[in-house]
Amino acid sequence: MEIFERLESEVRGYCRCFPAVFTQAQGARITDENGASYVDFFSGAGALNYGHNDPRMKRELIRYLANDGVVHSLDMATTAKAEFLEALESFVLLPRNLDYRMQFPGPTGTNAVEAALKLARKVTGRETIISFTNAFHGMTLGSLAITGNSFKRRGAGVPLTLGDTMPFDGYLGEGVDTLDYLEALVADEGSGVDLPAAVILETVQAEGGINVAGSRWLQRLEQICRSHDILLIVDDIQVGCGRTGPFFSFERAGIQPDLVCLSKSLSGYGLPLALLLIRPDLDVWDPGEHNGTFRGHNPAFVTARSALETYWQGDALSRRVEATSEKVRSRLEIIAETNPVLAAEVRGVGLIQGLAVAESALAGRICSEAFGRGLIMETAGPEGQVVKVMPPLTVDEIALKEGLEILEVAVQAVVRQHESGSVTEGPQ
């Protein structure tokens, strides 16, 4: 690790949690330079829903490059882009009766969020955006202004304005509908809250602690937005592309957002690609009014099209995620019940689940212990209090079982250390 410590910026983060030099990866496994194999319950922070180096996507990408396919094209028309557009329409939008225009704003999720905010303000003529407690929408200034995490916000170095924060579903405890508060403020001329251009949310807050919005709550939020002429933006960057089961995380609630932000696993292969889905009547951009040099990343179009053709013709993958998620939840509930000192709560839906523990430091120690035993996973939540379980959607039975067993052993080891008053790192 010396070369990284000597030359790379102090801002690096994940390599501190996973101190190894990785050389190869396939499916749900990563191998380091010493030949040690790790089960991957991290999935590139949601960018590898189909695992590492999916064989079909790899073949098509290699063939495309070998034939001198266009790599960089800005927003010029290419065969690779046309085939991706056709696949997304055929396998995702039409079967769900969704009608969206597609904008490629740049290569990352925060680019999609920034474009959505900018377009919402242009359409409505209003400035304020409403977001929610514990939200995470990206690291550029517009996205940070609607992100809840104080540590991330402080990194901006400037005031973050034009955003109002409302309590997410469950933020004020069970039995409290937080939308009563939101609706009262946007309806009351004396509330001091300006009528916003849009409301933006993740239906499952991934980085914020795996907080799941209920279907009825989402349906009511959509109704409030409609009745007050507020645009509804869903950030499906981490929990879209099948992570919760359906392709879109909002499908379970039966709502139709005005704008949808996608990235991470959209390319299917870990290549940078972001997309903003726009309700057609809202597509009021002037040509070139919003652009980006790397919005025409054709290798990502190739693998994204392959992912759609391979996994989204029908509902087989969604059913597989549902079945796998039941196994994960069952094991997490056993871990929580047999380790009461953690006071752990099982959270999540689909294949984004986790253990929220009472003492946040224990979550980090569990992930460290798991890494020492061959399992890669991270924490989530504002205090890092949630042990986050996010394997590939295509994880095989052997890797799933091995990973869950390592997690259970890691939890038991940390609990023993905690009860004895000792703190160690890695397996004993």
Protein backbone atom coordinates (compact mmCIF):
# COMPACT_ATOMS: atom_id res chain seq x y z
CA MET A 1 0.00 0.00 0.00
CA GLU A 2 3.05 2.30 0.24
CA ILE A 3 2.69 3.80 -3.23
CA PHE A 4 -0.87 4.87 -2.51
CA GLU A 5 0.00 6.34 0.86
CA ARG A 6 2.92 8.26 -0.62
CA LEU A 7 1.31 9.64 -3.78
CA GLU A 8 -2.46 9.59 -3.46
CA SER A 9 -4.51 12.31 -1.76
CA GLU A 10 -5.59 11.97 1.85
CA VAL A 11 -9.18 12.10 0.58
CA ARG A 12 -9.10 8.41 -0.31
CA GLY A 13 -11.57 6.45 1.78
CA TYR A 14 -12.48 2.90 0.80
CA CYS A 15 -8.87 1.76 0.55
CA ARG A 16 -8.52 2.54 4.26
CA CYS A 17 -11.41 0.17 5.01
CA PHE A 18 -10.16 -2.51 2.61
CA PRO A 19 -6.34 -2.35 2.85
CA ALA A 20 -5.38 -4.71 0.04
CA VAL A 21 -4.23 -4.34 -3.56
CA PHE A 22 -6.83 -6.03 -5.74
CA THR A 23 -5.93 -7.60 -9.07
CA GLN A 24 -8.86 -9.65 -10.37
CA ALA A 25 -12.62 -9.94 -9.92
CA GLN A 26 -15.37 -12.18 -11.20
CA GLY A 27 -18.99 -12.39 -10.12
CA ALA A 28 -19.24 -11.86 -6.37
CA ARG A 29 -15.53 -12.36 -5.66
CA ILE A 30 -12.41 -10.17 -5.71
CA THR A 31 -8.81 -11.41 -5.47
CA ASP A 32 -5.85 -9.45 -4.14
CA GLU A 33 -2.20 -9.54 -5.23
CA ASN A 34 -1.41 -12.17 -2.60
CA GLY A 35 -4.04 -14.53 -3.96
CA ALA A 36 -6.53 -13.98 -1.13
CA SER A 37 -10.16 -14.19 -2.25
CA TYR A 38 -12.94 -12.00 -0.85
CA VAL A 39 -16.71 -12.29 -1.11
CA ASP A 40 -18.10 -8.95 -2.31
CA PHE A 41 -21.10 -7.65 -0.37
CA PHE A 42 -20.20 -4.09 -1.44
CA SER A 43 -20.90 -4.21 -5.19
CA GLY A 44 -18.98 -1.05 -5.98
CA ALA A 45 -21.32 0.98 -3.74
CA GLY A 46 -24.14 -0.16 -6.00
CA ALA A 47 -22.35 0.15 -9.35
CA LEU A 48 -21.98 -3.63 -9.82
CA ASN A 49 -25.49 -5.03 -9.50
CA TYR A 50 -24.59 -7.83 -11.93
CA GLY A 51 -21.26 -8.60 -10.30
CA HIS A 52 -17.74 -8.17 -11.65
CA ASN A 53 -16.90 -8.86 -15.29
CA ASP A 54 -20.20 -10.31 -16.40
CA PRO A 55 -19.13 -12.70 -19.22
CA ARG A 56 -21.69 -11.60 -21.82
CA MET A 57 -21.10 -7.88 -21.27
CA LYS A 58 -17.34 -8.46 -21.38
CA ARG A 59 -17.55 -10.30 -24.70
CA GLU A 60 -19.65 -7.58 -26.28
CA LEU A 61 -17.42 -4.81 -24.95
CA ILE A 62 -14.25 -6.52 -26.24
CA ARG A 63 -15.85 -7.12 -29.63
CA TYR A 64 -16.97 -3.48 -29.86
CA LEU A 65 -13.49 -2.16 -29.04
CA ALA A 66 -11.77 -4.68 -31.31
CA ASN A 67 -13.93 -3.45 -34.22
CA ASP A 68 -12.85 0.17 -33.57
CA GLY A 69 -16.27 1.18 -32.30
CA VAL A 70 -16.66 4.85 -31.42
CA VAL A 71 -15.57 5.42 -27.80
CA HIS A 72 -16.15 9.14 -27.28
CA SER A 73 -18.90 11.05 -29.07
CA LEU A 74 -20.29 13.80 -26.79
CA ASP A 75 -23.98 13.83 -27.84
CA MET A 76 -23.44 12.85 -31.46
CA ALA A 77 -25.50 9.95 -32.77
CA THR A 78 -23.84 6.53 -32.69
CA THR A 79 -24.99 2.98 -33.23
CA ALA A 80 -24.11 2.09 -29.64
CA LYS A 81 -26.30 4.87 -28.26
CA ALA A 82 -29.20 4.03 -30.59
CA GLU A 83 -29.15 0.39 -29.52
CA PHE A 84 -29.10 1.37 -25.84
CA LEU A 85 -32.03 3.78 -26.28
CA GLU A 86 -34.04 1.10 -28.07
CA ALA A 87 -33.27 -1.49 -25.38
CA LEU A 88 -34.23 0.80 -22.49
CA GLU A 89 -37.49 1.67 -24.20
CA SER A 90 -38.32 -1.93 -25.12
CA PHE A 91 -37.32 -3.75 -21.92
CA VAL A 92 -37.93 -1.11 -19.23
CA LEU A 93 -40.15 1.80 -20.21
CA LEU A 94 -42.82 0.24 -22.43
CA PRO A 95 -43.52 -2.79 -20.18
CA ARG A 96 -44.10 -0.35 -17.29
CA ASN A 97 -46.17 2.07 -19.35
CA LEU A 98 -43.64 4.84 -18.71
CA ASP A 99 -43.03 7.68 -21.14
CA TYR A 100 -39.75 9.54 -20.66
CA ARG A 101 -37.23 11.41 -22.75
CA MET A 102 -33.62 10.46 -22.02
CA GLN A 103 -30.84 12.96 -21.26
CA PHE A 104 -27.20 11.98 -20.83
CA PRO A 105 -25.85 14.72 -18.55
CA GLY A 106 -22.35 13.43 -17.82
CA PRO A 107 -20.77 10.25 -16.46
CA THR A 108 -21.77 10.19 -12.78
CA GLY A 109 -24.83 10.21 -10.57
CA THR A 110 -24.33 13.75 -9.30
CA ASN A 111 -24.39 14.94 -12.93
CA ALA A 112 -27.88 13.50 -13.29
CA VAL A 113 -29.01 15.16 -10.05
CA GLU A 114 -27.59 18.54 -11.06
CA ALA A 115 -29.36 18.34 -14.42
CA ALA A 116 -32.64 17.43 -12.73
CA LEU A 117 -32.43 20.38 -10.32
CA LYS A 118 -31.51 22.77 -13.11
CA LEU A 119 -34.36 21.59 -15.33
CA ALA A 120 -36.91 21.71 -12.50
CA ARG A 121 -35.98 25.33 -11.82
CA LYS A 122 -36.19 26.20 -15.53
CA VAL A 123 -39.61 24.58 -15.94
CA THR A 124 -41.23 26.05 -12.84
CA GLY A 125 -39.43 29.36 -12.51
CA ARG A 126 -38.90 28.60 -8.82
CA GLU A 127 -35.62 28.12 -6.99
CA THR A 128 -36.09 26.04 -3.84
CA ILE A 129 -35.75 22.26 -3.76
CA ILE A 130 -37.18 20.17 -0.92
CA SER A 131 -35.16 17.13 0.14
CA PHE A 132 -35.27 14.88 3.19
CA THR A 133 -33.35 14.14 6.35
CA ASN A 134 -30.46 11.69 5.84
CA ALA A 135 -30.60 12.15 2.07
CA PHE A 136 -27.50 11.70 -0.06
CA HIS A 137 -27.57 12.99 -3.64
CA GLY A 138 -23.93 13.62 -4.58
CA MET A 139 -20.82 15.67 -3.93
CA THR A 140 -21.15 18.64 -6.29
CA LEU A 141 -22.57 21.85 -4.83
CA GLY A 142 -26.16 21.53 -6.02
CA SER A 143 -26.33 17.93 -4.87
CA LEU A 144 -24.68 18.74 -1.53
CA ALA A 145 -27.28 21.46 -0.91
CA ILE A 146 -29.94 18.73 -0.81
CA THR A 147 -27.80 16.19 1.10
CA GLY A 148 -28.34 15.72 4.82
CA ASN A 149 -24.95 14.49 6.05
CA SER A 150 -23.24 17.35 7.89
CA PHE A 151 -19.72 15.98 7.27
CA LYS A 152 -20.29 15.92 3.51
CA ARG A 153 -21.94 19.34 3.55
CA ARG A 154 -19.07 20.96 5.43
CA GLY A 155 -16.71 19.84 2.69
CA ALA A 156 -18.37 22.30 0.30
CA GLY A 157 -16.59 25.21 1.95
CA VAL A 158 -19.35 27.63 0.93
CA PRO A 159 -22.96 28.19 2.06
CA LEU A 160 -25.34 25.62 0.61
CA THR A 161 -28.58 27.35 -0.26
CA LEU A 162 -31.91 27.02 -2.06
CA GLY A 163 -32.83 23.80 -0.29
CA ASP A 164 -35.31 23.00 2.47
CA THR A 165 -35.09 19.75 4.43
CA MET A 166 -38.17 17.82 5.53
CA PRO A 167 -38.40 14.70 7.74
CA PHE A 168 -38.22 11.40 5.85
CA ASP A 169 -40.71 8.62 6.45
CA GLY A 170 -40.16 7.30 9.99
CA TYR A 171 -37.78 10.09 11.00
CA LEU A 172 -40.06 11.22 13.82
CA GLY A 173 -40.85 7.69 14.99
CA GLU A 174 -43.60 5.19 14.36
CA GLY A 175 -47.12 6.52 14.11
CA VAL A 176 -46.06 9.96 12.85
CA ASP A 177 -46.83 10.77 9.21
CA THR A 178 -44.10 13.26 8.40
CA LEU A 179 -45.96 14.36 5.29
CA ASP A 180 -48.45 16.19 7.53
CA TYR A 181 -45.59 18.56 8.31
CA LEU A 182 -44.48 18.94 4.69
CA GLU A 183 -47.99 19.54 3.38
CA ALA A 184 -48.77 22.10 6.08
CA LEU A 185 -45.64 24.09 5.25
CA VAL A 186 -46.07 24.16 1.47
CA ALA A 187 -49.79 25.00 1.78
CA ASP A 188 -49.42 27.81 4.34
CA GLU A 189 -48.47 31.24 3.02
CA GLY A 190 -47.15 32.09 6.46
CA SER A 191 -44.86 29.09 6.91
CA GLY A 192 -41.76 30.81 5.58
CA VAL A 193 -41.17 27.91 3.19
CA ASP A 194 -41.23 28.97 -0.46
CA LEU A 195 -43.22 26.85 -2.87
CA PRO A 196 -40.47 24.62 -4.26
CA ALA A 197 -39.62 23.79 -7.81
CA ALA A 198 -39.33 20.13 -6.89
CA VAL A 199 -39.17 17.51 -4.20
CA ILE A 200 -36.29 15.03 -4.55
CA LEU A 201 -35.85 11.77 -2.67
CA GLU A 202 -34.42 8.29 -2.64
CA THR A 203 -37.24 5.82 -1.96
CA VAL A 204 -34.64 3.83 -0.02
CA GLN A 205 -31.95 5.97 1.55
CA ALA A 206 -28.82 3.90 1.02
CA GLU A 207 -25.98 6.02 2.37
CA GLY A 208 -28.36 7.59 4.88
CA GLY A 209 -28.81 4.33 6.79
CA ILE A 210 -31.01 2.05 4.64
CA ASN A 211 -34.21 3.91 5.48
CA VAL A 212 -37.15 2.58 3.47
CA ALA A 213 -40.06 4.84 2.58
CA GLY A 214 -43.42 3.07 2.81
CA SER A 215 -45.57 2.71 -0.30
CA ARG A 216 -48.47 4.70 1.14
CA TRP A 217 -46.09 7.47 2.18
CA LEU A 218 -44.69 7.64 -1.36
CA GLN A 219 -48.17 7.67 -2.87
CA ARG A 220 -49.23 10.54 -0.61
CA LEU A 221 -46.04 12.45 -1.44
CA GLU A 222 -46.86 12.14 -5.13
CA GLN A 223 -50.39 13.44 -4.45
CA ILE A 224 -49.06 16.45 -2.53
CA CYS A 225 -46.67 17.29 -5.36
CA ARG A 226 -49.44 17.04 -7.94
CA SER A 227 -51.88 19.18 -5.97
CA HIS A 228 -49.30 21.97 -5.47
CA ASP A 229 -47.71 21.82 -8.94
CA ILE A 230 -44.37 20.61 -7.54
CA LEU A 231 -42.17 18.33 -9.63
CA LEU A 232 -41.29 14.95 -8.12
CA ILE A 233 -37.73 13.74 -8.66
CA VAL A 234 -36.67 10.23 -7.67
CA ASP A 235 -32.94 9.63 -7.23
CA ASP A 236 -32.62 5.96 -8.19
CA ILE A 237 -28.87 6.09 -8.61
CA GLN A 238 -27.96 3.49 -5.97
CA VAL A 239 -31.23 1.62 -5.43
CA GLY A 240 -32.42 1.45 -9.04
CA CYS A 241 -31.52 -1.07 -11.76
CA GLY A 242 -33.06 -3.92 -9.75
CA ARG A 243 -31.46 -3.36 -6.35
CA THR A 244 -34.85 -3.45 -4.58
CA GLY A 245 -36.28 -6.10 -6.93
CA PRO A 246 -38.07 -4.22 -9.74
CA PHE A 247 -35.98 -2.18 -12.16
CA PHE A 248 -37.08 1.07 -10.49
CA SER A 249 -37.31 1.30 -6.72
CA PHE A 250 -40.55 3.31 -6.95
CA GLU A 251 -42.45 0.59 -8.81
CA ARG A 252 -43.59 -1.03 -5.55
CA ALA A 253 -45.56 2.15 -4.74
CA GLY A 254 -47.07 2.53 -8.20
CA ILE A 255 -45.96 6.15 -8.56
CA GLN A 256 -44.61 7.92 -11.66
CA PRO A 257 -42.00 10.59 -10.94
CA ASP A 258 -41.59 13.56 -13.26
CA LEU A 259 -37.82 13.11 -13.35
CA VAL A 260 -35.70 10.04 -12.54
CA CYS A 261 -31.95 10.05 -11.92
CA LEU A 262 -30.01 6.89 -12.83
CA SER A 263 -26.33 5.95 -12.78
CA LYS A 264 -24.11 3.41 -10.95
CA SER A 265 -25.37 0.03 -12.26
CA LEU A 266 -26.96 1.50 -15.38
CA SER A 267 -23.93 0.53 -17.48
CA GLY A 268 -24.05 -2.95 -15.98
CA TYR A 269 -20.28 -3.29 -15.98
CA GLY A 270 -19.01 -0.56 -13.70
CA LEU A 271 -18.34 1.88 -16.54
CA PRO A 272 -19.36 5.51 -15.92
CA LEU A 273 -22.84 6.30 -17.24
CA ALA A 274 -25.62 8.54 -15.96
CA LEU A 275 -29.08 9.25 -17.28
CA LEU A 276 -31.92 11.63 -16.51
CA LEU A 277 -35.39 10.45 -17.46
CA ILE A 278 -37.66 13.41 -18.24
CA ARG A 279 -41.43 13.59 -18.59
CA PRO A 280 -41.77 14.65 -22.26
CA ASP A 281 -43.63 17.93 -21.64
CA LEU A 282 -40.88 19.00 -19.24
CA ASP A 283 -38.12 18.60 -21.82
CA VAL A 284 -37.76 22.33 -22.45
CA TRP A 285 -33.97 22.50 -22.77
CA ASP A 286 -32.54 24.65 -25.53
CA PRO A 287 -29.88 22.80 -27.57
CA GLY A 288 -26.58 22.86 -25.68
CA GLU A 289 -28.08 24.55 -22.61
CA HIS A 290 -26.77 21.73 -20.44
CA ASN A 291 -23.91 19.54 -21.61
CA GLY A 292 -20.81 17.60 -20.61
CA THR A 293 -17.74 16.30 -22.39
CA PHE A 294 -18.18 12.65 -21.36
CA ARG A 295 -21.93 12.26 -21.87
CA GLY A 296 -21.32 10.09 -24.93
CA HIS A 297 -19.44 7.16 -23.35
CA ASN A 298 -20.15 4.49 -25.93
CA PRO A 299 -18.48 1.50 -24.22
CA ALA A 300 -20.97 2.07 -21.38
CA PHE A 301 -23.85 2.15 -23.89
CA VAL A 302 -22.67 -1.24 -25.17
CA THR A 303 -22.58 -2.92 -21.77
CA ALA A 304 -25.78 -1.19 -20.62
CA ARG A 305 -27.65 -2.51 -23.63
CA SER A 306 -26.25 -5.97 -23.00
CA ALA A 307 -27.35 -5.80 -19.33
CA LEU A 308 -30.89 -4.89 -20.34
CA GLU A 309 -31.09 -7.65 -22.94
CA THR A 310 -29.62 -10.24 -20.58
CA TYR A 311 -31.46 -9.46 -17.35
CA TRP A 312 -34.58 -7.39 -18.06
CA GLN A 313 -36.51 -9.34 -20.68
CA GLY A 314 -39.19 -10.47 -18.23
CA ASP A 315 -39.17 -10.62 -14.44
CA ALA A 316 -36.75 -13.48 -13.78
CA LEU A 317 -34.13 -11.26 -12.14
CA SER A 318 -36.71 -9.49 -9.98
CA ARG A 319 -37.98 -12.85 -8.73
CA ARG A 320 -34.42 -13.97 -8.06
CA VAL A 321 -33.73 -10.82 -6.03
CA GLU A 322 -36.90 -11.39 -4.02
CA ALA A 323 -35.91 -14.98 -3.21
CA THR A 324 -32.34 -14.04 -2.30
CA SER A 325 -33.48 -11.10 -0.18
CA GLU A 326 -35.61 -13.42 1.96
CA LYS A 327 -32.52 -15.53 2.71
CA VAL A 328 -30.51 -12.44 3.62
CA ARG A 329 -33.23 -11.05 5.88
CA SER A 330 -33.71 -14.39 7.61
CA ARG A 331 -29.98 -14.65 8.39
CA LEU A 332 -29.78 -11.02 9.56
CA GLU A 333 -32.73 -11.55 11.89
CA ILE A 334 -31.00 -14.60 13.39
CA ILE A 335 -27.79 -12.59 13.87
CA ALA A 336 -29.73 -9.79 15.56
CA GLU A 337 -31.65 -12.15 17.83
CA THR A 338 -28.61 -14.17 18.92
CA ASN A 339 -26.50 -11.09 19.67
CA PRO A 340 -28.80 -8.95 21.82
CA VAL A 341 -25.93 -6.77 23.06
CA LEU A 342 -25.97 -5.10 19.63
CA ALA A 343 -29.60 -4.02 20.03
CA ALA A 344 -29.68 -4.43 16.25
CA GLU A 345 -32.54 -3.59 13.92
CA VAL A 346 -32.79 -5.29 10.53
CA ARG A 347 -33.48 -2.78 7.77
CA GLY A 348 -33.89 -2.77 4.03
CA VAL A 349 -35.67 -4.22 1.04
CA GLY A 350 -34.50 -6.39 -1.83
CA LEU A 351 -30.73 -6.76 -1.79
CA ILE A 352 -29.97 -3.60 0.10
CA GLN A 353 -30.29 -4.62 3.73
CA GLY A 354 -28.43 -4.08 6.94
CA LEU A 355 -28.05 -4.27 10.69
CA ALA A 356 -28.49 -0.95 12.50
CA VAL A 357 -26.64 -1.33 15.80
CA ALA A 358 -27.03 0.78 18.93
CA GLU A 359 -23.32 1.68 19.19
CA SER A 360 -22.08 2.99 15.86
CA ALA A 361 -18.45 2.03 16.57
CA LEU A 362 -19.46 -1.62 16.62
CA ALA A 363 -20.70 -1.46 13.02
CA GLY A 364 -17.30 -0.33 11.80
CA ARG A 365 -15.56 -3.03 13.84
CA ILE A 366 -17.87 -5.68 12.40
CA CYS A 367 -17.02 -4.62 8.84
CA SER A 368 -13.29 -4.58 9.70
CA GLU A 369 -13.53 -8.03 11.26
CA ALA A 370 -15.43 -9.30 8.22
CA PHE A 371 -12.77 -7.97 5.85
CA GLY A 372 -10.08 -9.78 7.81
CA ARG A 373 -12.03 -12.97 7.27
CA GLY A 374 -12.61 -12.45 3.54
CA LEU A 375 -15.80 -10.38 3.21
CA ILE A 376 -16.02 -6.86 1.77
CA MET A 377 -18.85 -4.71 3.10
CA GLU A 378 -19.29 -1.14 4.30
CA THR A 379 -21.25 0.85 6.85
CA ALA A 380 -24.04 3.33 6.19
CA GLY A 381 -25.87 6.00 8.12
CA PRO A 382 -24.85 9.44 9.43
CA GLU A 383 -22.79 7.86 12.20
CA GLY A 384 -21.80 4.72 10.33
CA GLN A 385 -24.15 2.72 12.55
CA VAL A 386 -25.52 0.35 9.89
CA VAL A 387 -23.70 -2.75 8.65
CA LYS A 388 -24.67 -2.70 4.97
CA VAL A 389 -25.30 -5.95 3.08
CA MET A 390 -25.35 -5.35 -0.66
CA PRO A 391 -24.21 -8.36 -2.72
CA PRO A 392 -24.61 -8.53 -6.50
CA LEU A 393 -28.17 -9.27 -7.59
CA THR A 394 -26.74 -12.30 -9.38
CA VAL A 395 -24.79 -13.62 -6.40
CA ASP A 396 -24.47 -17.42 -6.49
CA GLU A 397 -25.63 -19.60 -3.61
CA ILE A 398 -22.12 -20.58 -2.56
CA ALA A 399 -20.85 -17.00 -2.32
CA LEU A 400 -24.04 -15.85 -0.58
CA LYS A 401 -23.80 -18.58 2.05
CA GLU A 402 -20.08 -17.99 2.58
CA GLY A 403 -20.54 -14.24 2.93
CA LEU A 404 -23.40 -14.53 5.42
CA GLU A 405 -21.44 -17.07 7.46
CA ILE A 406 -18.42 -14.75 7.58
CA LEU A 407 -20.68 -11.89 8.66
CA GLU A 408 -22.15 -13.97 11.47
CA VAL A 409 -18.73 -15.06 12.72
CA ALA A 410 -17.46 -11.47 12.51
CA VAL A 411 -20.41 -10.24 14.57
CA GLN A 412 -19.82 -12.91 17.19
CA ALA A 413 -16.12 -11.99 17.39
CA VAL A 414 -16.87 -8.28 17.86
CA VAL A 415 -19.52 -9.05 20.47
CA ARG A 416 -17.02 -11.15 22.43
CA GLN A 417 -14.45 -8.35 22.26
CA HIS A 418 -17.06 -5.82 23.34
CA GLU A 419 -18.22 -7.87 26.29
CA SER A 420 -14.66 -8.52 27.42
CA GLY A 421 -13.67 -4.89 27.00
CA SER A 422 -11.00 -5.58 24.39
CA VAL A 423 -10.74 -4.11 20.89
CA THR A 424 -8.80 -5.87 18.15
CA GLU A 425 -8.78 -5.72 14.38
CA GLY A 426 -9.18 -8.67 12.05
CA PRO A 427 -9.84 -12.33 12.81
CA GLN A 428 -8.65 -13.95 16.02
